[in-house]
Amino acid sequence: MKGSIILVQNNEGNFISEMIKFFTKRFAKKHNVRTWTHSMIGVENIRNTEYVFSAEMAQCLMPLKKFKKDKIKFEVYKVVDDIKEDSLNELIDNFVDKYAGDGYGFFQLPWYIYRWFMELFNKDVRKQKNWFPSGDICSEMVFRFLTQRLSYSVKNSNINEVLKYLYEWTENTIHPVDLGYIIKQHPKVFIKTYSWNC
């Protein structure tokens, strides 16, 4: 699971997850993807427990089993690329060292309401800057991780296609449903290896 991308749909009724579903359901329906509310990075197996890097109140390591609840669904996607094991380990170590403990980007969230509103008028604002880019949200972390990871495989045409899709957004304007759409469009690069309640 190391280096995998995990997409989560939280149906426990918490406010942020419900708002994410509301403001992304139009995009999800248009592209026939689930209304994902969260995304994470698989990082390591520690004492027989899979851990993920997740944007909670702060960026942190959490056991994946914390997401194994009745009202939560998730899927794990292996990334098929040319990165070597040592390079992947170094990338994950550096990524966790750099971002662990950083606060959640709550002030970024109003921009996504603006994006939803503009999409009602068929206006594409994905390349615009988020008004308050401080802090980090889940999809931002996955965007950063994927763009860094895939840069090891730039001679691979499938990888270049994924990077081209990713760069239709910025790290502060992509949400979990966008990631689900990108994953769905590139089945040669993202292979589902596990799902919970899906």
C-alpha atoms as a PDB file:
ATOM      1  CA  MET A   1       0.000   0.000   0.000  1.00  0.00           C
ATOM      2  CA  LYS A   2       3.008   2.283   0.304  1.00  0.00           C
ATOM      3  CA  GLY A   3       2.584   5.276  -2.010  1.00  0.00           C
ATOM      4  CA  SER A   4      -1.039   4.402  -2.851  1.00  0.00           C
ATOM      5  CA  ILE A   5      -3.812   6.958  -3.159  1.00  0.00           C
ATOM      6  CA  ILE A   6      -6.882   6.443  -0.995  1.00  0.00           C
ATOM      7  CA  LEU A   7     -10.233   8.070  -1.764  1.00  0.00           C
ATOM      8  CA  VAL A   8     -12.787   8.276   1.061  1.00  0.00           C
ATOM      9  CA  GLN A   9     -16.498   8.992   1.237  1.00  0.00           C
ATOM     10  CA  ASN A  10     -17.550   9.894   4.769  1.00  0.00           C
ATOM     11  CA  ASN A  11     -21.290   9.402   5.330  1.00  0.00           C
ATOM     12  CA  GLU A  12     -21.252   9.942   9.093  1.00  0.00           C
ATOM     13  CA  GLY A  13     -22.975  13.300   8.705  1.00  0.00           C
ATOM     14  CA  ASN A  14     -20.174  15.627   9.798  1.00  0.00           C
ATOM     15  CA  PHE A  15     -20.523  19.184   8.555  1.00  0.00           C
ATOM     16  CA  ILE A  16     -17.420  19.438   6.344  1.00  0.00           C
ATOM     17  CA  SER A  17     -18.027  16.090   4.611  1.00  0.00           C
ATOM     18  CA  GLU A  18     -21.645  17.000   3.922  1.00  0.00           C
ATOM     19  CA  MET A  19     -20.636  20.374   2.486  1.00  0.00           C
ATOM     20  CA  ILE A  20     -17.987  18.753   0.295  1.00  0.00           C
ATOM     21  CA  LYS A  21     -20.593  16.317  -1.042  1.00  0.00           C
ATOM     22  CA  PHE A  22     -23.051  19.126  -1.715  1.00  0.00           C
ATOM     23  CA  PHE A  23     -20.586  21.365  -3.549  1.00  0.00           C
ATOM     24  CA  THR A  24     -18.978  18.546  -5.578  1.00  0.00           C
ATOM     25  CA  LYS A  25     -22.009  16.385  -6.463  1.00  0.00           C
ATOM     26  CA  ARG A  26     -22.634  18.199  -9.747  1.00  0.00           C
ATOM     27  CA  PHE A  27     -19.067  17.524 -10.934  1.00  0.00           C
ATOM     28  CA  ALA A  28     -19.290  13.933  -9.633  1.00  0.00           C
ATOM     29  CA  LYS A  29     -22.545  13.293 -11.487  1.00  0.00           C
ATOM     30  CA  LYS A  30     -21.226  14.856 -14.697  1.00  0.00           C
ATOM     31  CA  HIS A  31     -18.173  12.558 -14.666  1.00  0.00           C
ATOM     32  CA  ASN A  32     -19.868   9.512 -13.122  1.00  0.00           C
ATOM     33  CA  VAL A  33     -17.644   9.316 -10.059  1.00  0.00           C
ATOM     34  CA  ARG A  34     -18.460   8.929  -6.387  1.00  0.00           C
ATOM     35  CA  THR A  35     -18.792  12.070  -4.237  1.00  0.00           C
ATOM     36  CA  TRP A  36     -15.501  11.516  -2.471  1.00  0.00           C
ATOM     37  CA  THR A  37     -15.052  13.703   0.599  1.00  0.00           C
ATOM     38  CA  HIS A  38     -11.454  12.955   1.521  1.00  0.00           C
ATOM     39  CA  SER A  39      -8.188  11.711   0.033  1.00  0.00           C
ATOM     40  CA  MET A  40      -5.034  10.305   1.639  1.00  0.00           C
ATOM     41  CA  ILE A  41      -1.657   8.772   0.880  1.00  0.00           C
ATOM     42  CA  GLY A  42      -0.660   5.269   1.949  1.00  0.00           C
ATOM     43  CA  VAL A  43       2.719   5.530   3.669  1.00  0.00           C
ATOM     44  CA  GLU A  44       3.815   2.479   5.616  1.00  0.00           C
ATOM     45  CA  ASN A  45       3.016  -0.749   7.375  1.00  0.00           C
ATOM     46  CA  ILE A  46       4.012  -0.377  11.035  1.00  0.00           C
ATOM     47  CA  ARG A  47       3.605  -3.399  13.335  1.00  0.00           C
ATOM     48  CA  ASN A  48       1.233  -5.067  10.868  1.00  0.00           C
ATOM     49  CA  THR A  49      -0.962  -1.976  10.587  1.00  0.00           C
ATOM     50  CA  GLU A  50      -1.288   0.106   7.418  1.00  0.00           C
ATOM     51  CA  TYR A  51      -0.765   3.830   7.992  1.00  0.00           C
ATOM     52  CA  VAL A  52      -1.873   6.760   5.877  1.00  0.00           C
ATOM     53  CA  PHE A  53      -0.886  10.411   5.720  1.00  0.00           C
ATOM     54  CA  SER A  54      -4.121  12.312   6.218  1.00  0.00           C
ATOM     55  CA  ALA A  55      -5.269  15.921   6.509  1.00  0.00           C
ATOM     56  CA  GLU A  56      -7.162  16.085   9.767  1.00  0.00           C
ATOM     57  CA  MET A  57      -6.971  19.104  12.128  1.00  0.00           C
ATOM     58  CA  ALA A  58      -3.293  18.847  11.203  1.00  0.00           C
ATOM     59  CA  GLN A  59      -1.436  16.686   8.679  1.00  0.00           C
ATOM     60  CA  CYS A  60      -0.742  13.393  10.435  1.00  0.00           C
ATOM     61  CA  LEU A  61      -0.104   9.675  10.239  1.00  0.00           C
ATOM     62  CA  MET A  62      -3.158   7.571  11.057  1.00  0.00           C
ATOM     63  CA  PRO A  63      -3.915   3.860  10.905  1.00  0.00           C
ATOM     64  CA  LEU A  64      -6.111   3.093   7.899  1.00  0.00           C
ATOM     65  CA  LYS A  65      -8.304   0.915  10.137  1.00  0.00           C
ATOM     66  CA  LYS A  66      -9.703   4.115  11.733  1.00  0.00           C
ATOM     67  CA  PHE A  67     -11.622   4.551   8.478  1.00  0.00           C
ATOM     68  CA  LYS A  68     -13.143   1.076   8.580  1.00  0.00           C
ATOM     69  CA  LYS A  69     -16.563   2.140   9.842  1.00  0.00           C
ATOM     70  CA  ASP A  70     -20.085   1.344   8.689  1.00  0.00           C
ATOM     71  CA  LYS A  71     -20.751   4.803   7.247  1.00  0.00           C
ATOM     72  CA  ILE A  72     -17.383   5.272   5.572  1.00  0.00           C
ATOM     73  CA  LYS A  73     -16.423   3.978   2.139  1.00  0.00           C
ATOM     74  CA  PHE A  74     -12.933   4.024   0.681  1.00  0.00           C
ATOM     75  CA  GLU A  75     -10.897   2.686  -2.202  1.00  0.00           C
ATOM     76  CA  VAL A  76      -7.129   2.176  -2.388  1.00  0.00           C
ATOM     77  CA  TYR A  77      -5.346   2.737  -5.696  1.00  0.00           C
ATOM     78  CA  LYS A  78      -1.868   1.483  -6.470  1.00  0.00           C
ATOM     79  CA  VAL A  79       0.126   3.891  -8.648  1.00  0.00           C
ATOM     80  CA  VAL A  80       1.820   2.136 -11.578  1.00  0.00           C
ATOM     81  CA  ASP A  81       4.906   4.152 -12.467  1.00  0.00           C
ATOM     82  CA  ASP A  82       8.677   3.850 -12.809  1.00  0.00           C
ATOM     83  CA  ILE A  83       9.742   5.053  -9.358  1.00  0.00           C
ATOM     84  CA  LYS A  84      12.334   2.904  -7.599  1.00  0.00           C
ATOM     85  CA  GLU A  85      11.664   1.622  -4.072  1.00  0.00           C
ATOM     86  CA  ASP A  86      14.476   3.718  -2.535  1.00  0.00           C
ATOM     87  CA  SER A  87      13.197   6.862  -4.255  1.00  0.00           C
ATOM     88  CA  LEU A  88       9.623   6.192  -3.092  1.00  0.00           C
ATOM     89  CA  ASN A  89      10.799   5.674   0.504  1.00  0.00           C
ATOM     90  CA  GLU A  90      12.806   8.896   0.371  1.00  0.00           C
ATOM     91  CA  LEU A  91       9.883  10.803  -1.155  1.00  0.00           C
ATOM     92  CA  ILE A  92       7.487   9.592   1.563  1.00  0.00           C
ATOM     93  CA  ASP A  93       9.981  10.302   4.358  1.00  0.00           C
ATOM     94  CA  ASN A  94      10.658  13.824   3.070  1.00  0.00           C
ATOM     95  CA  PHE A  95       6.960  14.465   2.502  1.00  0.00           C
ATOM     96  CA  VAL A  96       5.954  13.418   6.020  1.00  0.00           C
ATOM     97  CA  ASP A  97       8.891  15.315   7.559  1.00  0.00           C
ATOM     98  CA  LYS A  98       7.961  18.480   5.675  1.00  0.00           C
ATOM     99  CA  TYR A  99       4.178  18.504   6.189  1.00  0.00           C
ATOM    100  CA  ALA A 100       3.348  16.516   9.354  1.00  0.00           C
ATOM    101  CA  GLY A 101       1.853  18.830  11.943  1.00  0.00           C
ATOM    102  CA  ASP A 102       0.895  21.567   9.459  1.00  0.00           C
ATOM    103  CA  GLY A 103      -2.589  22.908  10.166  1.00  0.00           C
ATOM    104  CA  TYR A 104      -5.679  22.184   8.111  1.00  0.00           C
ATOM    105  CA  GLY A 105      -6.506  24.797   5.446  1.00  0.00           C
ATOM    106  CA  PHE A 106     -10.005  25.737   6.643  1.00  0.00           C
ATOM    107  CA  PHE A 107      -9.771  29.162   5.004  1.00  0.00           C
ATOM    108  CA  GLN A 108      -9.290  27.521   1.595  1.00  0.00           C
ATOM    109  CA  LEU A 109     -12.771  25.998   1.687  1.00  0.00           C
ATOM    110  CA  PRO A 110     -14.852  29.108   0.732  1.00  0.00           C
ATOM    111  CA  TRP A 111     -13.039  29.183  -2.623  1.00  0.00           C
ATOM    112  CA  TYR A 112     -14.664  25.832  -3.482  1.00  0.00           C
ATOM    113  CA  ILE A 113     -18.106  27.392  -3.008  1.00  0.00           C
ATOM    114  CA  TYR A 114     -17.015  30.063  -5.489  1.00  0.00           C
ATOM    115  CA  ARG A 115     -15.854  27.335  -7.892  1.00  0.00           C
ATOM    116  CA  TRP A 116     -19.225  25.555  -7.558  1.00  0.00           C
ATOM    117  CA  PHE A 117     -21.065  28.820  -8.223  1.00  0.00           C
ATOM    118  CA  MET A 118     -18.954  29.618 -11.303  1.00  0.00           C
ATOM    119  CA  GLU A 119     -19.496  26.092 -12.669  1.00  0.00           C
ATOM    120  CA  LEU A 120     -23.249  26.775 -12.588  1.00  0.00           C
ATOM    121  CA  PHE A 121     -22.490  29.293 -15.360  1.00  0.00           C
ATOM    122  CA  ASN A 122     -20.025  26.967 -17.144  1.00  0.00           C
ATOM    123  CA  LYS A 123     -17.045  29.058 -16.031  1.00  0.00           C
ATOM    124  CA  ASP A 124     -13.833  27.104 -15.461  1.00  0.00           C
ATOM    125  CA  VAL A 125     -11.910  28.659 -12.571  1.00  0.00           C
ATOM    126  CA  ARG A 126      -9.710  25.674 -11.691  1.00  0.00           C
ATOM    127  CA  LYS A 127      -6.507  27.518 -12.679  1.00  0.00           C
ATOM    128  CA  GLN A 128      -7.327  30.581 -10.600  1.00  0.00           C
ATOM    129  CA  LYS A 129      -5.592  30.989  -7.287  1.00  0.00           C
ATOM    130  CA  ASN A 130      -7.342  30.107  -4.070  1.00  0.00           C
ATOM    131  CA  TRP A 131      -7.878  33.298  -2.063  1.00  0.00           C
ATOM    132  CA  PHE A 132      -6.433  31.874   1.163  1.00  0.00           C
ATOM    133  CA  PRO A 133      -3.848  29.192   0.307  1.00  0.00           C
ATOM    134  CA  SER A 134      -2.460  28.864   3.847  1.00  0.00           C
ATOM    135  CA  GLY A 135      -2.761  25.520   5.582  1.00  0.00           C
ATOM    136  CA  ASP A 136      -3.225  22.249   3.729  1.00  0.00           C
ATOM    137  CA  ILE A 137      -6.317  20.286   2.717  1.00  0.00           C
ATOM    138  CA  CYS A 138      -6.389  16.598   1.817  1.00  0.00           C
ATOM    139  CA  SER A 139      -6.581  16.887  -1.961  1.00  0.00           C
ATOM    140  CA  GLU A 140      -3.794  19.472  -1.935  1.00  0.00           C
ATOM    141  CA  MET A 141      -1.515  16.991  -0.172  1.00  0.00           C
ATOM    142  CA  VAL A 142      -2.375  14.221  -2.646  1.00  0.00           C
ATOM    143  CA  PHE A 143      -1.820  16.615  -5.573  1.00  0.00           C
ATOM    144  CA  ARG A 144       1.643  17.527  -4.247  1.00  0.00           C
ATOM    145  CA  PHE A 145       2.531  13.913  -3.583  1.00  0.00           C
ATOM    146  CA  LEU A 146       1.360  12.684  -6.994  1.00  0.00           C
ATOM    147  CA  THR A 147       3.104  15.436  -8.957  1.00  0.00           C
ATOM    148  CA  GLN A 148       6.347  14.735  -7.096  1.00  0.00           C
ATOM    149  CA  ARG A 149       6.010  10.969  -7.409  1.00  0.00           C
ATOM    150  CA  LEU A 150       5.099  10.980 -11.085  1.00  0.00           C
ATOM    151  CA  SER A 151       8.004  13.289 -11.942  1.00  0.00           C
ATOM    152  CA  TYR A 152      10.243  10.215 -11.575  1.00  0.00           C
ATOM    153  CA  SER A 153       8.508   8.689 -14.632  1.00  0.00           C
ATOM    154  CA  VAL A 154       8.345  11.534 -17.151  1.00  0.00           C
ATOM    155  CA  LYS A 155       9.447   9.286 -20.031  1.00  0.00           C
ATOM    156  CA  ASN A 156       6.291   7.215 -19.589  1.00  0.00           C
ATOM    157  CA  SER A 157       3.459   8.465 -21.842  1.00  0.00           C
ATOM    158  CA  ASN A 158       0.734   7.242 -19.455  1.00  0.00           C
ATOM    159  CA  ILE A 159       2.333   9.203 -16.606  1.00  0.00           C
ATOM    160  CA  ASN A 160       2.673  12.310 -18.777  1.00  0.00           C
ATOM    161  CA  GLU A 161      -1.042  12.102 -19.522  1.00  0.00           C
ATOM    162  CA  VAL A 162      -1.871  11.970 -15.798  1.00  0.00           C
ATOM    163  CA  LEU A 163       0.398  14.959 -15.120  1.00  0.00           C
ATOM    164  CA  LYS A 164      -1.302  16.859 -17.941  1.00  0.00           C
ATOM    165  CA  TYR A 165      -4.684  16.194 -16.282  1.00  0.00           C
ATOM    166  CA  LEU A 166      -3.397  17.129 -12.821  1.00  0.00           C
ATOM    167  CA  TYR A 167      -2.090  20.458 -14.075  1.00  0.00           C
ATOM    168  CA  GLU A 168      -5.589  21.453 -15.187  1.00  0.00           C
ATOM    169  CA  TRP A 169      -5.901  22.346 -11.479  1.00  0.00           C
ATOM    170  CA  THR A 170      -3.542  23.851  -8.920  1.00  0.00           C
ATOM    171  CA  GLU A 171      -2.708  22.333  -5.555  1.00  0.00           C
ATOM    172  CA  ASN A 172      -5.167  24.759  -3.918  1.00  0.00           C
ATOM    173  CA  THR A 173      -8.082  24.238  -6.335  1.00  0.00           C
ATOM    174  CA  ILE A 174      -8.377  20.457  -6.648  1.00  0.00           C
ATOM    175  CA  HIS A 175     -10.865  18.479  -4.535  1.00  0.00           C
ATOM    176  CA  PRO A 176     -11.291  14.728  -3.847  1.00  0.00           C
ATOM    177  CA  VAL A 177     -13.897  14.275  -6.605  1.00  0.00           C
ATOM    178  CA  ASP A 178     -11.419  15.750  -9.109  1.00  0.00           C
ATOM    179  CA  LEU A 179      -8.889  13.163  -7.973  1.00  0.00           C
ATOM    180  CA  GLY A 180     -11.510  10.437  -8.417  1.00  0.00           C
ATOM    181  CA  TYR A 181     -12.124  11.683 -11.949  1.00  0.00           C
ATOM    182  CA  ILE A 182      -8.395  11.672 -12.789  1.00  0.00           C
ATOM    183  CA  ILE A 183      -8.002   8.162 -11.370  1.00  0.00           C
ATOM    184  CA  LYS A 184     -11.009   6.920 -13.350  1.00  0.00           C
ATOM    185  CA  GLN A 185      -9.593   8.367 -16.575  1.00  0.00           C
ATOM    186  CA  HIS A 186      -6.243   6.584 -16.153  1.00  0.00           C
ATOM    187  CA  PRO A 187      -6.797   2.890 -15.331  1.00  0.00           C
ATOM    188  CA  LYS A 188      -3.302   1.962 -16.579  1.00  0.00           C
ATOM    189  CA  VAL A 189      -1.735   4.174 -13.911  1.00  0.00           C
ATOM    190  CA  PHE A 190      -4.192   3.721 -11.020  1.00  0.00           C
ATOM    191  CA  ILE A 191      -5.227   0.166 -10.155  1.00  0.00           C
ATOM    192  CA  LYS A 192      -7.783  -0.421  -7.410  1.00  0.00           C
ATOM    193  CA  THR A 193      -6.305  -2.885  -4.930  1.00  0.00           C
ATOM    194  CA  TYR A 194      -8.783  -2.664  -2.061  1.00  0.00           C
ATOM    195  CA  SER A 195     -12.165  -1.209  -1.207  1.00  0.00           C
ATOM    196  CA  TRP A 196     -14.224  -0.848   1.974  1.00  0.00           C
ATOM    197  CA  ASN A 197     -18.041  -0.700   1.831  1.00  0.00           C
ATOM    198  CA  CYS A 198     -17.985   0.190  -1.888  1.00  0.00           C
END
